[in-house]
């Protein structure tokens, strides 16, 4: 399958590397075609990995991943182009974290909106699925880094789109029972709001190899 990844940071490169390792083709997109991180990644990825612009990544992918910072996701995907995203599944792994000069963390948007919802409103012909935004990049693609049962969440309006994302998660090593479907894209509000708490946990543990384990009585 062909994936376009919007964003060349740690999350984007980690997902791209894992997808190529699974036999998929990936174009890692940035604002400019000569982005050093994207070009360096493509040079190491082999024939199935390519560097390109946001526009080229969106056009290339049968599915597209938004791995940009949540505060700039709308801008980046507008550059990618609604016509290139139309009809496709957009996996949104972003979080709208805002860091103050004194180190305080907030979210924008928050409470009554989310990046996932903003993207679905902006691109109504694209099937947005929020996923993988509640854990660190290495754990996204290798859940075995944390022993025992732990979960990952998906949210979105389109059942077929969520089924595709569940398939990708399974390839990453997530058992189907570990994927919790939270319903519509408005559930992205809750998963994005977990991130300030997640940062506190990272400070407590001193690393990022941890995750949420949800237990139910029924």
C-alpha atoms as a PDB file:
ATOM      1  CA  UNK A   1       0.000   0.000   0.000  1.00  0.00           C
ATOM      2  CA  UNK A   2       1.149   3.578  -0.613  1.00  0.00           C
ATOM      3  CA  UNK A   3       1.293   5.999   2.316  1.00  0.00           C
ATOM      4  CA  UNK A   4       1.897   9.720   2.281  1.00  0.00           C
ATOM      5  CA  UNK A   5       3.178  11.096   5.566  1.00  0.00           C
ATOM      6  CA  UNK A   6       2.820  14.812   6.257  1.00  0.00           C
ATOM      7  CA  UNK A   7       5.560  15.809   8.691  1.00  0.00           C
ATOM      8  CA  UNK A   8       9.230  14.886   8.998  1.00  0.00           C
ATOM      9  CA  UNK A   9       9.724  14.911  12.762  1.00  0.00           C
ATOM     10  CA  UNK A  10      10.416  11.915  14.974  1.00  0.00           C
ATOM     11  CA  UNK A  11       6.854  10.611  14.718  1.00  0.00           C
ATOM     12  CA  UNK A  12       6.693  10.917  10.942  1.00  0.00           C
ATOM     13  CA  UNK A  13      10.074   9.280  10.391  1.00  0.00           C
ATOM     14  CA  UNK A  14       9.340   6.469  12.865  1.00  0.00           C
ATOM     15  CA  UNK A  15       6.038   5.616  11.194  1.00  0.00           C
ATOM     16  CA  UNK A  16       7.609   5.885   7.746  1.00  0.00           C
ATOM     17  CA  UNK A  17      10.449   3.528   8.656  1.00  0.00           C
ATOM     18  CA  UNK A  18       8.083   0.929  10.079  1.00  0.00           C
ATOM     19  CA  UNK A  19       5.742   1.089   7.094  1.00  0.00           C
ATOM     20  CA  UNK A  20       8.616   0.654   4.648  1.00  0.00           C
ATOM     21  CA  UNK A  21       9.879  -2.255   6.738  1.00  0.00           C
ATOM     22  CA  UNK A  22       6.462  -3.875   6.361  1.00  0.00           C
ATOM     23  CA  UNK A  23       6.697  -3.624   2.580  1.00  0.00           C
ATOM     24  CA  UNK A  24       4.654  -0.481   2.008  1.00  0.00           C
ATOM     25  CA  UNK A  25       5.750   2.479  -0.087  1.00  0.00           C
ATOM     26  CA  UNK A  26       6.045   5.826   1.661  1.00  0.00           C
ATOM     27  CA  UNK A  27       6.547   9.414   0.585  1.00  0.00           C
ATOM     28  CA  UNK A  28       7.657  11.546   3.522  1.00  0.00           C
ATOM     29  CA  UNK A  29       6.414  15.053   2.909  1.00  0.00           C
ATOM     30  CA  UNK A  30       7.688  18.427   4.094  1.00  0.00           C
ATOM     31  CA  UNK A  31       7.101  22.041   3.116  1.00  0.00           C
ATOM     32  CA  UNK A  32      10.038  21.953   0.712  1.00  0.00           C
ATOM     33  CA  UNK A  33      11.324  19.122  -1.446  1.00  0.00           C
ATOM     34  CA  UNK A  34      14.902  19.514  -0.182  1.00  0.00           C
ATOM     35  CA  UNK A  35      14.067  19.169   3.530  1.00  0.00           C
ATOM     36  CA  UNK A  36      17.230  17.619   5.067  1.00  0.00           C
ATOM     37  CA  UNK A  37      15.361  15.254   7.423  1.00  0.00           C
ATOM     38  CA  UNK A  38      13.165  13.883   4.628  1.00  0.00           C
ATOM     39  CA  UNK A  39      16.018  13.545   2.151  1.00  0.00           C
ATOM     40  CA  UNK A  40      18.244  11.816   4.708  1.00  0.00           C
ATOM     41  CA  UNK A  41      15.440   9.425   5.647  1.00  0.00           C
ATOM     42  CA  UNK A  42      14.722   8.570   2.008  1.00  0.00           C
ATOM     43  CA  UNK A  43      18.410   7.922   1.322  1.00  0.00           C
ATOM     44  CA  UNK A  44      18.416   5.304   4.085  1.00  0.00           C
ATOM     45  CA  UNK A  45      14.951   3.851   3.455  1.00  0.00           C
ATOM     46  CA  UNK A  46      15.691   2.123   0.161  1.00  0.00           C
ATOM     47  CA  UNK A  47      13.599   2.049  -3.015  1.00  0.00           C
ATOM     48  CA  UNK A  48      10.235   2.140  -1.211  1.00  0.00           C
ATOM     49  CA  UNK A  49      10.975   5.397   0.617  1.00  0.00           C
ATOM     50  CA  UNK A  50      10.745   8.810  -1.035  1.00  0.00           C
ATOM     51  CA  UNK A  51      11.081  12.431   0.005  1.00  0.00           C
ATOM     52  CA  UNK A  52       8.693  15.039  -1.331  1.00  0.00           C
ATOM     53  CA  UNK A  53       6.560  18.043  -0.573  1.00  0.00           C
ATOM     54  CA  UNK A  54       3.300  17.978   1.364  1.00  0.00           C
ATOM     55  CA  UNK A  55       1.518  18.080  -1.987  1.00  0.00           C
ATOM     56  CA  UNK A  56       3.502  15.150  -3.375  1.00  0.00           C
ATOM     57  CA  UNK A  57       3.000  13.042  -0.237  1.00  0.00           C
ATOM     58  CA  UNK A  58      -0.753  13.632  -0.270  1.00  0.00           C
ATOM     59  CA  UNK A  59      -1.008  12.791  -3.970  1.00  0.00           C
ATOM     60  CA  UNK A  60       1.143   9.674  -3.577  1.00  0.00           C
ATOM     61  CA  UNK A  61      -0.619   8.081  -0.631  1.00  0.00           C
ATOM     62  CA  UNK A  62      -3.593   5.792  -0.865  1.00  0.00           C
ATOM     63  CA  UNK A  63      -3.781   6.690   2.818  1.00  0.00           C
ATOM     64  CA  UNK A  64      -2.228   9.779   4.404  1.00  0.00           C
ATOM     65  CA  UNK A  65      -0.806  10.312   7.895  1.00  0.00           C
ATOM     66  CA  UNK A  66      -0.828  13.709   9.595  1.00  0.00           C
ATOM     67  CA  UNK A  67       2.316  13.683  11.737  1.00  0.00           C
ATOM     68  CA  UNK A  68       2.680  17.446  12.085  1.00  0.00           C
ATOM     69  CA  UNK A  69       2.361  19.400  15.312  1.00  0.00           C
ATOM     70  CA  UNK A  70      -1.341  19.858  15.968  1.00  0.00           C
ATOM     71  CA  UNK A  71      -1.085  23.640  16.124  1.00  0.00           C
ATOM     72  CA  UNK A  72       0.046  23.764  12.466  1.00  0.00           C
ATOM     73  CA  UNK A  73      -1.834  20.746  11.082  1.00  0.00           C
ATOM     74  CA  UNK A  74      -4.521  22.750   9.291  1.00  0.00           C
ATOM     75  CA  UNK A  75      -1.918  24.921   7.596  1.00  0.00           C
ATOM     76  CA  UNK A  76       0.143  21.906   6.499  1.00  0.00           C
ATOM     77  CA  UNK A  77      -2.823  19.985   5.133  1.00  0.00           C
ATOM     78  CA  UNK A  78      -4.162  23.023   3.339  1.00  0.00           C
ATOM     79  CA  UNK A  79      -0.805  23.145   1.587  1.00  0.00           C
ATOM     80  CA  UNK A  80      -1.140  19.430   0.803  1.00  0.00           C
ATOM     81  CA  UNK A  81      -4.426  20.260  -0.902  1.00  0.00           C
ATOM     82  CA  UNK A  82      -8.015  19.183  -0.360  1.00  0.00           C
ATOM     83  CA  UNK A  83      -8.203  17.727  -3.865  1.00  0.00           C
ATOM     84  CA  UNK A  84      -5.282  15.391  -3.099  1.00  0.00           C
ATOM     85  CA  UNK A  85      -6.841  14.247   0.180  1.00  0.00           C
ATOM     86  CA  UNK A  86     -10.372  13.736  -1.114  1.00  0.00           C
ATOM     87  CA  UNK A  87     -11.706  10.216  -0.686  1.00  0.00           C
ATOM     88  CA  UNK A  88      -8.670   9.072   1.280  1.00  0.00           C
ATOM     89  CA  UNK A  89      -8.212   7.953   4.864  1.00  0.00           C
ATOM     90  CA  UNK A  90      -6.299  10.526   6.904  1.00  0.00           C
ATOM     91  CA  UNK A  91      -4.736   9.075  10.048  1.00  0.00           C
ATOM     92  CA  UNK A  92      -4.309  11.978  12.457  1.00  0.00           C
ATOM     93  CA  UNK A  93      -1.641  11.310  15.099  1.00  0.00           C
ATOM     94  CA  UNK A  94      -1.178  14.958  16.071  1.00  0.00           C
ATOM     95  CA  UNK A  95      -1.592  16.795  19.371  1.00  0.00           C
ATOM     96  CA  UNK A  96      -2.148  20.578  19.699  1.00  0.00           C
ATOM     97  CA  UNK A  97       0.405  21.146  22.469  1.00  0.00           C
ATOM     98  CA  UNK A  98       1.339  24.726  23.313  1.00  0.00           C
ATOM     99  CA  UNK A  99       4.403  25.318  25.500  1.00  0.00           C
ATOM    100  CA  UNK A 100       4.728  28.617  27.332  1.00  0.00           C
ATOM    101  CA  UNK A 101       8.007  30.401  27.957  1.00  0.00           C
ATOM    102  CA  UNK A 102       7.890  29.131  31.555  1.00  0.00           C
ATOM    103  CA  UNK A 103       7.328  25.517  30.500  1.00  0.00           C
ATOM    104  CA  UNK A 104       3.603  25.299  31.153  1.00  0.00           C
ATOM    105  CA  UNK A 105       1.645  23.128  28.727  1.00  0.00           C
ATOM    106  CA  UNK A 106      -1.777  23.878  27.295  1.00  0.00           C
ATOM    107  CA  UNK A 107      -3.790  22.821  24.238  1.00  0.00           C
ATOM    108  CA  UNK A 108      -5.231  24.841  21.369  1.00  0.00           C
ATOM    109  CA  UNK A 109      -7.914  23.828  20.509  1.00  0.00           C
ATOM    110  CA  UNK A 110      -9.284  22.216  23.668  1.00  0.00           C
ATOM    111  CA  UNK A 111     -12.512  21.301  25.478  1.00  0.00           C
ATOM    112  CA  UNK A 112     -15.079  22.018  22.755  1.00  0.00           C
ATOM    113  CA  UNK A 113     -12.949  21.177  19.719  1.00  0.00           C
ATOM    114  CA  UNK A 114      -9.942  19.125  18.633  1.00  0.00           C
ATOM    115  CA  UNK A 115      -7.477  18.890  15.766  1.00  0.00           C
ATOM    116  CA  UNK A 116      -9.240  15.752  14.574  1.00  0.00           C
ATOM    117  CA  UNK A 117     -12.552  17.612  14.333  1.00  0.00           C
ATOM    118  CA  UNK A 118     -10.941  20.648  12.701  1.00  0.00           C
ATOM    119  CA  UNK A 119      -9.455  18.442  10.004  1.00  0.00           C
ATOM    120  CA  UNK A 120     -12.731  16.625   9.369  1.00  0.00           C
ATOM    121  CA  UNK A 121     -14.591  19.946   9.034  1.00  0.00           C
ATOM    122  CA  UNK A 122     -11.927  21.427   6.776  1.00  0.00           C
ATOM    123  CA  UNK A 123     -11.753  18.346   4.550  1.00  0.00           C
ATOM    124  CA  UNK A 124     -15.273  16.854   4.503  1.00  0.00           C
ATOM    125  CA  UNK A 125     -14.421  14.530   1.604  1.00  0.00           C
ATOM    126  CA  UNK A 126     -11.543  12.992   3.584  1.00  0.00           C
ATOM    127  CA  UNK A 127     -12.110  10.224   6.119  1.00  0.00           C
ATOM    128  CA  UNK A 128     -10.272  11.327   9.263  1.00  0.00           C
ATOM    129  CA  UNK A 129      -9.347   8.769  11.929  1.00  0.00           C
ATOM    130  CA  UNK A 130      -7.677   9.876  15.150  1.00  0.00           C
ATOM    131  CA  UNK A 131      -5.197   7.269  16.351  1.00  0.00           C
ATOM    132  CA  UNK A 132      -1.791   6.743  17.976  1.00  0.00           C
ATOM    133  CA  UNK A 133      -1.650  10.219  19.537  1.00  0.00           C
ATOM    134  CA  UNK A 134      -1.589   8.994  23.152  1.00  0.00           C
ATOM    135  CA  UNK A 135       1.820   7.306  23.157  1.00  0.00           C
ATOM    136  CA  UNK A 136       5.416   7.842  22.096  1.00  0.00           C
ATOM    137  CA  UNK A 137       6.590   7.157  18.550  1.00  0.00           C
ATOM    138  CA  UNK A 138       8.672   4.010  19.289  1.00  0.00           C
ATOM    139  CA  UNK A 139       5.708   2.420  21.068  1.00  0.00           C
ATOM    140  CA  UNK A 140       3.325   3.277  18.220  1.00  0.00           C
ATOM    141  CA  UNK A 141       5.117   0.818  15.954  1.00  0.00           C
ATOM    142  CA  UNK A 142       6.347  -1.658  18.603  1.00  0.00           C
ATOM    143  CA  UNK A 143       3.788  -2.229  21.394  1.00  0.00           C
ATOM    144  CA  UNK A 144       5.950  -5.013  22.796  1.00  0.00           C
ATOM    145  CA  UNK A 145       8.210  -2.362  24.326  1.00  0.00           C
ATOM    146  CA  UNK A 146       5.692  -2.318  27.204  1.00  0.00           C
ATOM    147  CA  UNK A 147       4.894  -5.746  28.691  1.00  0.00           C
ATOM    148  CA  UNK A 148       1.374  -6.934  29.372  1.00  0.00           C
ATOM    149  CA  UNK A 149      -1.942  -5.697  28.044  1.00  0.00           C
ATOM    150  CA  UNK A 150      -2.278  -2.044  27.088  1.00  0.00           C
ATOM    151  CA  UNK A 151      -4.388  -0.181  24.600  1.00  0.00           C
ATOM    152  CA  UNK A 152      -4.504   2.234  21.705  1.00  0.00           C
ATOM    153  CA  UNK A 153      -7.543   4.291  20.687  1.00  0.00           C
ATOM    154  CA  UNK A 154      -9.252   5.124  17.391  1.00  0.00           C
ATOM    155  CA  UNK A 155     -11.997   7.647  16.663  1.00  0.00           C
ATOM    156  CA  UNK A 156     -13.692   8.669  13.442  1.00  0.00           C
ATOM    157  CA  UNK A 157     -16.949   8.811  11.529  1.00  0.00           C
ATOM    158  CA  UNK A 158     -16.269   6.224   8.815  1.00  0.00           C
ATOM    159  CA  UNK A 159     -16.325   2.507   9.802  1.00  0.00           C
ATOM    160  CA  UNK A 160     -14.343   1.430   6.719  1.00  0.00           C
ATOM    161  CA  UNK A 161     -11.672   4.019   7.448  1.00  0.00           C
ATOM    162  CA  UNK A 162     -11.376   2.805  11.023  1.00  0.00           C
ATOM    163  CA  UNK A 163     -11.143  -0.783   9.767  1.00  0.00           C
ATOM    164  CA  UNK A 164      -8.198   0.209   7.543  1.00  0.00           C
ATOM    165  CA  UNK A 165      -6.473   1.875  10.488  1.00  0.00           C
ATOM    166  CA  UNK A 166      -7.064  -1.183  12.665  1.00  0.00           C
ATOM    167  CA  UNK A 167      -5.387  -3.239   9.945  1.00  0.00           C
ATOM    168  CA  UNK A 168      -2.337  -0.973  10.012  1.00  0.00           C
ATOM    169  CA  UNK A 169      -2.222  -1.182  13.807  1.00  0.00           C
ATOM    170  CA  UNK A 170      -2.347  -4.964  13.598  1.00  0.00           C
ATOM    171  CA  UNK A 171       0.653  -4.898  11.266  1.00  0.00           C
ATOM    172  CA  UNK A 172       2.457  -2.772  13.861  1.00  0.00           C
ATOM    173  CA  UNK A 173       1.797  -5.524  16.407  1.00  0.00           C
ATOM    174  CA  UNK A 174      -1.325  -4.292  18.185  1.00  0.00           C
ATOM    175  CA  UNK A 175      -3.789  -7.151  18.848  1.00  0.00           C
ATOM    176  CA  UNK A 176      -7.323  -6.363  17.738  1.00  0.00           C
ATOM    177  CA  UNK A 177      -8.504  -6.577  21.350  1.00  0.00           C
ATOM    178  CA  UNK A 178      -6.048  -3.811  22.261  1.00  0.00           C
ATOM    179  CA  UNK A 179      -7.697  -1.314  19.885  1.00  0.00           C
ATOM    180  CA  UNK A 180     -10.511   0.604  21.601  1.00  0.00           C
ATOM    181  CA  UNK A 181     -12.966   2.317  19.249  1.00  0.00           C
ATOM    182  CA  UNK A 182     -14.183   5.485  20.982  1.00  0.00           C
ATOM    183  CA  UNK A 183     -16.792   6.317  18.341  1.00  0.00           C
ATOM    184  CA  UNK A 184     -16.991   9.544  16.355  1.00  0.00           C
ATOM    185  CA  UNK A 185     -14.246  12.060  15.687  1.00  0.00           C
ATOM    186  CA  UNK A 186     -15.392  14.211  18.630  1.00  0.00           C
ATOM    187  CA  UNK A 187     -13.671  11.631  20.850  1.00  0.00           C
ATOM    188  CA  UNK A 188     -10.405  13.188  19.656  1.00  0.00           C
ATOM    189  CA  UNK A 189     -11.040  15.908  22.241  1.00  0.00           C
ATOM    190  CA  UNK A 190     -10.492  13.426  25.042  1.00  0.00           C
ATOM    191  CA  UNK A 191      -7.468  11.667  23.588  1.00  0.00           C
ATOM    192  CA  UNK A 192      -5.760  14.995  22.831  1.00  0.00           C
ATOM    193  CA  UNK A 193      -6.473  16.189  26.374  1.00  0.00           C
ATOM    194  CA  UNK A 194      -4.617  13.162  27.724  1.00  0.00           C
ATOM    195  CA  UNK A 195      -1.322  14.576  26.524  1.00  0.00           C
ATOM    196  CA  UNK A 196      -0.517  17.074  29.315  1.00  0.00           C
ATOM    197  CA  UNK A 197      -1.084  14.186  31.731  1.00  0.00           C
ATOM    198  CA  UNK A 198       1.113  11.964  29.541  1.00  0.00           C
ATOM    199  CA  UNK A 199       3.911  14.535  29.796  1.00  0.00           C
ATOM    200  CA  UNK A 200       3.644  14.439  33.592  1.00  0.00           C
ATOM    201  CA  UNK A 201       3.937  10.650  33.476  1.00  0.00           C
ATOM    202  CA  UNK A 202       7.017  10.948  31.272  1.00  0.00           C
ATOM    203  CA  UNK A 203       8.566  13.235  33.859  1.00  0.00           C
ATOM    204  CA  UNK A 204       7.700  10.758  36.605  1.00  0.00           C
ATOM    205  CA  UNK A 205       9.091   7.678  34.838  1.00  0.00           C
ATOM    206  CA  UNK A 206      11.979   9.426  33.097  1.00  0.00           C
ATOM    207  CA  UNK A 207      11.262   7.655  29.792  1.00  0.00           C
ATOM    208  CA  UNK A 208       8.455   7.119  27.267  1.00  0.00           C
ATOM    209  CA  UNK A 209       8.001   3.337  27.361  1.00  0.00           C
ATOM    210  CA  UNK A 210       4.659   3.376  29.172  1.00  0.00           C
ATOM    211  CA  UNK A 211       1.024   3.267  28.168  1.00  0.00           C
ATOM    212  CA  UNK A 212      -2.546   3.105  29.435  1.00  0.00           C
ATOM    213  CA  UNK A 213      -4.033  -0.248  30.446  1.00  0.00           C
ATOM    214  CA  UNK A 214      -7.824  -0.106  30.590  1.00  0.00           C
ATOM    215  CA  UNK A 215      -9.646  -2.854  32.482  1.00  0.00           C
ATOM    216  CA  UNK A 216     -13.395  -3.418  32.270  1.00  0.00           C
ATOM    217  CA  UNK A 217     -15.623  -5.546  34.502  1.00  0.00           C
ATOM    218  CA  UNK A 218     -17.813  -6.515  31.585  1.00  0.00           C
END
